[in-house]
Amino acid sequence: MASSADTLGRFIADLMEVRGYNNSTLATAASTSESVIRNLLKHGIDKRARDPDPSTLRRVADALEVNALYLFRLAGYIPPKANVNSARAEFLADAFDELSPEKQDAVMGVLEALSEGILRKVSIHGMREAPGNPLAGLDLAFPEALREMANELIAQLQITKPVQLESVQKNIRLGLYRWGDLPQATRERIKALARHKLALKYDPTMVDEEWRG
């Protein structure tokens, strides 16, 4: 049997159990119908299940207190990450965020000492030098990172026209980063990638078959 991370339906079912929702209460919390929730729970399991509307996915994600990007990715609207972190890494990341700044620095000190690559050492050192700056030590110029942010921007705001990219609110979050905190050059590169997708008739309601598992 597939794991919970393999399909949208199983992922949502697991979250519903953790959050204490049933079909009716989740439908109410997400301002949708029970039939829509039932369809979501079948997605990726029953071939007859319809592809969900992006706005519905967004409301369901908010109700389940999960990053909507996960649901968009499992639904096929966004291609899967090339390098997905293991469940253990995700757990340790959550544990790290719960530590005090002093303990976080101690953990990063160990990672800096154990890291073999010079670039990773430099990045970790940069994070330790400026703990109050969420972008310290991170190279956001990597094309993969920018493409990921462009995908999330389109999906999160359900952008269908390039003109919508000119009114992105500063408090919008793309993964760990707030749009307003990103360097101007980085924001422009992300918008350029998004415009390219829109020029190719990208539609956030469209599911590319090659993205299916």
Protein backbone atom coordinates (compact mmCIF):
# COMPACT_ATOMS: atom_id res chain seq x y z
CA MET A 1 0.00 0.00 0.00
CA ALA A 2 1.24 3.49 -0.84
CA SER A 3 2.49 5.70 1.95
CA SER A 4 0.70 8.87 3.05
CA ALA A 5 3.09 11.03 1.05
CA ASP A 6 2.38 9.22 -2.23
CA THR A 7 -1.07 10.63 -2.97
CA LEU A 8 -3.05 13.75 -2.24
CA GLY A 9 -5.92 11.69 -0.85
CA ARG A 10 -3.85 9.79 1.70
CA PHE A 11 -1.90 12.89 2.70
CA ILE A 12 -5.12 14.79 3.44
CA ALA A 13 -6.61 11.77 5.24
CA ASP A 14 -3.59 11.56 7.54
CA LEU A 15 -3.75 15.29 8.28
CA MET A 16 -7.48 15.06 8.99
CA GLU A 17 -6.81 12.36 11.56
CA VAL A 18 -4.06 14.39 13.21
CA ARG A 19 -6.16 17.59 13.27
CA GLY A 20 -9.32 15.82 14.43
CA TYR A 21 -11.41 16.53 11.33
CA ASN A 22 -14.04 14.40 9.64
CA ASN A 23 -15.48 15.09 6.18
CA SER A 24 -18.19 17.35 7.52
CA THR A 25 -16.06 19.48 9.84
CA LEU A 26 -13.28 19.91 7.27
CA ALA A 27 -15.83 20.93 4.63
CA THR A 28 -17.16 23.59 7.00
CA ALA A 29 -13.67 24.83 7.93
CA ALA A 30 -12.64 25.04 4.26
CA SER A 31 -15.93 26.61 3.11
CA THR A 32 -16.65 23.79 0.70
CA SER A 33 -18.92 20.75 0.46
CA GLU A 34 -18.53 17.23 1.79
CA SER A 35 -18.62 15.89 -1.76
CA VAL A 36 -15.53 17.98 -2.55
CA ILE A 37 -13.74 16.56 0.49
CA ARG A 38 -14.71 13.03 -0.49
CA ASN A 39 -13.32 13.64 -3.96
CA LEU A 40 -10.04 14.96 -2.49
CA LEU A 41 -9.69 11.84 -0.37
CA LYS A 42 -9.95 9.71 -3.52
CA HIS A 43 -7.41 11.76 -5.50
CA GLY A 44 -4.49 9.59 -6.59
CA ILE A 45 -6.31 6.48 -5.40
CA ASP A 46 -9.44 6.36 -7.56
CA LYS A 47 -8.86 7.22 -11.23
CA ARG A 48 -12.38 8.62 -11.39
CA ALA A 49 -11.56 11.36 -8.88
CA ARG A 50 -11.64 14.84 -10.41
CA ASP A 51 -8.66 17.20 -10.23
CA PRO A 52 -9.33 19.74 -7.45
CA ASP A 53 -9.76 23.45 -7.98
CA PRO A 54 -6.69 25.46 -6.81
CA SER A 55 -8.78 27.76 -4.61
CA THR A 56 -10.27 24.73 -2.89
CA LEU A 57 -6.81 23.30 -2.25
CA ARG A 58 -5.74 26.60 -0.74
CA ARG A 59 -8.70 26.69 1.68
CA VAL A 60 -8.22 23.05 2.65
CA ALA A 61 -4.52 23.67 3.30
CA ASP A 62 -5.36 26.62 5.53
CA ALA A 63 -7.90 24.55 7.47
CA LEU A 64 -5.40 21.72 7.93
CA GLU A 65 -2.61 24.17 8.86
CA VAL A 66 -0.25 22.89 6.18
CA ASN A 67 1.76 24.65 3.47
CA ALA A 68 -0.49 24.70 0.39
CA LEU A 69 2.56 23.92 -1.74
CA TYR A 70 2.43 20.31 -0.50
CA LEU A 71 -1.14 19.92 -1.75
CA PHE A 72 -0.41 21.62 -5.08
CA ARG A 73 2.58 19.35 -5.58
CA LEU A 74 0.64 16.16 -4.77
CA ALA A 75 -2.22 17.30 -7.00
CA GLY A 76 0.24 17.67 -9.89
CA TYR A 77 0.05 21.45 -10.32
CA ILE A 78 3.72 21.85 -9.42
CA PRO A 79 6.46 19.35 -10.34
CA PRO A 80 7.90 17.36 -7.45
CA LYS A 81 11.10 18.53 -5.83
CA ALA A 82 14.24 17.06 -7.33
CA ASN A 83 15.64 16.41 -3.87
CA VAL A 84 12.99 15.71 -1.26
CA ASN A 85 14.08 15.70 2.36
CA SER A 86 13.57 12.49 4.29
CA ALA A 87 10.94 12.24 7.01
CA ARG A 88 13.77 12.20 9.56
CA ALA A 89 15.19 15.45 8.15
CA GLU A 90 11.76 17.12 8.31
CA PHE A 91 11.37 16.04 11.93
CA LEU A 92 14.82 17.33 12.87
CA ALA A 93 14.09 20.64 11.12
CA ASP A 94 11.00 21.11 13.29
CA ALA A 95 12.99 20.19 16.40
CA PHE A 96 15.69 22.73 15.44
CA ASP A 97 13.12 25.54 15.12
CA GLU A 98 11.89 24.82 18.64
CA LEU A 99 15.35 25.32 20.18
CA SER A 100 16.53 28.55 21.74
CA PRO A 101 18.88 30.72 19.61
CA GLU A 102 21.83 29.62 21.77
CA LYS A 103 21.08 25.94 21.23
CA GLN A 104 20.49 26.49 17.51
CA ASP A 105 23.94 28.08 17.27
CA ALA A 106 25.44 25.10 19.10
CA VAL A 107 23.82 22.68 16.63
CA MET A 108 25.03 24.73 13.66
CA GLY A 109 28.50 24.84 15.16
CA VAL A 110 28.59 21.04 15.12
CA LEU A 111 27.29 20.96 11.54
CA GLU A 112 29.88 23.51 10.47
CA ALA A 113 32.64 21.43 12.01
CA LEU A 114 31.37 18.17 10.47
CA SER A 115 30.63 19.52 6.99
CA GLU A 116 33.18 18.50 4.39
CA GLY A 117 32.31 20.94 1.60
CA ILE A 118 33.78 24.42 1.88
CA LEU A 119 30.68 26.07 0.42
CA ARG A 120 28.45 24.43 3.04
CA LYS A 121 30.84 25.49 5.79
CA VAL A 122 30.77 29.07 4.54
CA SER A 123 26.97 29.07 4.36
CA ILE A 124 26.56 27.72 7.89
CA HIS A 125 29.11 30.19 9.20
CA GLY A 126 27.17 33.01 7.56
CA MET A 127 23.98 31.87 9.29
CA ARG A 128 25.72 31.83 12.63
CA GLU A 129 27.17 35.30 12.09
CA ALA A 130 23.73 36.86 11.51
CA PRO A 131 21.10 34.77 13.35
CA GLY A 132 18.48 37.52 12.99
CA ASN A 133 18.69 37.51 9.19
CA PRO A 134 16.68 34.61 7.70
CA LEU A 135 18.60 34.90 4.42
CA ALA A 136 22.10 34.98 5.90
CA GLY A 137 24.41 32.38 4.39
CA LEU A 138 21.89 31.29 1.76
CA ASP A 139 22.62 31.61 -1.92
CA LEU A 140 19.25 32.33 -3.51
CA ALA A 141 20.75 32.65 -6.95
CA PHE A 142 20.52 28.92 -7.63
CA PRO A 143 18.16 28.42 -10.60
CA GLU A 144 16.40 25.52 -8.87
CA ALA A 145 15.54 27.66 -5.84
CA LEU A 146 14.26 30.48 -8.04
CA ARG A 147 12.15 28.13 -10.14
CA GLU A 148 10.67 26.67 -6.98
CA MET A 149 9.72 30.15 -5.75
CA ALA A 150 8.23 31.08 -9.14
CA ASN A 151 6.11 27.92 -9.07
CA GLU A 152 4.93 28.62 -5.55
CA LEU A 153 4.15 32.26 -6.34
CA ILE A 154 1.92 31.24 -9.26
CA ALA A 155 0.19 28.51 -7.29
CA GLN A 156 -0.27 30.43 -4.06
CA LEU A 157 -1.74 33.54 -5.71
CA GLN A 158 -3.40 31.63 -8.58
CA ILE A 159 -1.74 33.97 -11.06
CA THR A 160 -2.91 33.69 -14.66
CA LYS A 161 -1.76 37.05 -16.09
CA PRO A 162 1.71 38.68 -15.97
CA VAL A 163 0.22 41.96 -14.73
CA GLN A 164 -0.68 40.24 -11.45
CA LEU A 165 3.03 39.87 -10.69
CA GLU A 166 3.33 43.62 -10.22
CA SER A 167 1.09 43.68 -7.16
CA VAL A 168 2.55 40.91 -4.99
CA GLN A 169 2.13 41.84 -1.33
CA LYS A 170 5.29 42.10 0.77
CA ASN A 171 3.92 39.73 3.44
CA ILE A 172 3.41 36.82 1.01
CA ARG A 173 5.61 33.89 2.06
CA LEU A 174 7.45 31.65 -0.39
CA GLY A 175 8.63 28.73 1.69
CA LEU A 176 10.79 30.17 4.46
CA TYR A 177 11.00 33.64 2.97
CA ARG A 178 8.77 36.69 3.02
CA TRP A 179 8.51 38.36 -0.38
CA GLY A 180 9.40 41.76 1.06
CA ASP A 181 12.60 40.38 2.64
CA LEU A 182 14.01 39.04 -0.62
CA PRO A 183 16.58 41.20 -2.42
CA GLN A 184 15.08 43.27 -5.26
CA ALA A 185 17.21 41.42 -7.83
CA THR A 186 15.94 38.07 -6.56
CA ARG A 187 12.32 39.23 -6.74
CA GLU A 188 12.81 40.38 -10.32
CA ARG A 189 14.37 37.06 -11.34
CA ILE A 190 11.46 35.15 -9.76
CA LYS A 191 8.95 37.36 -11.58
CA ALA A 192 10.82 36.86 -14.86
CA LEU A 193 10.59 33.08 -14.46
CA ALA A 194 6.89 33.36 -13.61
CA ARG A 195 6.28 35.53 -16.68
CA HIS A 196 7.99 32.88 -18.79
CA LYS A 197 5.63 30.21 -17.46
CA LEU A 198 2.62 32.43 -18.12
CA ALA A 199 3.85 33.09 -21.65
CA LEU A 200 3.77 29.34 -22.18
CA LYS A 201 0.05 29.38 -21.34
CA TYR A 202 0.68 28.01 -17.85
CA ASP A 203 -2.62 27.58 -16.04
CA PRO A 204 -2.65 26.70 -12.32
CA THR A 205 -5.73 24.54 -12.93
CA MET A 206 -3.88 22.50 -15.55
CA VAL A 207 -2.30 19.20 -14.59
CA ASP A 208 0.64 18.07 -16.70
CA GLU A 209 0.56 14.31 -17.06
CA GLU A 210 4.32 13.96 -16.79
CA TRP A 211 4.10 15.32 -13.23
CA ARG A 212 2.00 12.35 -12.20
CA GLY A 213 3.74 9.57 -10.32
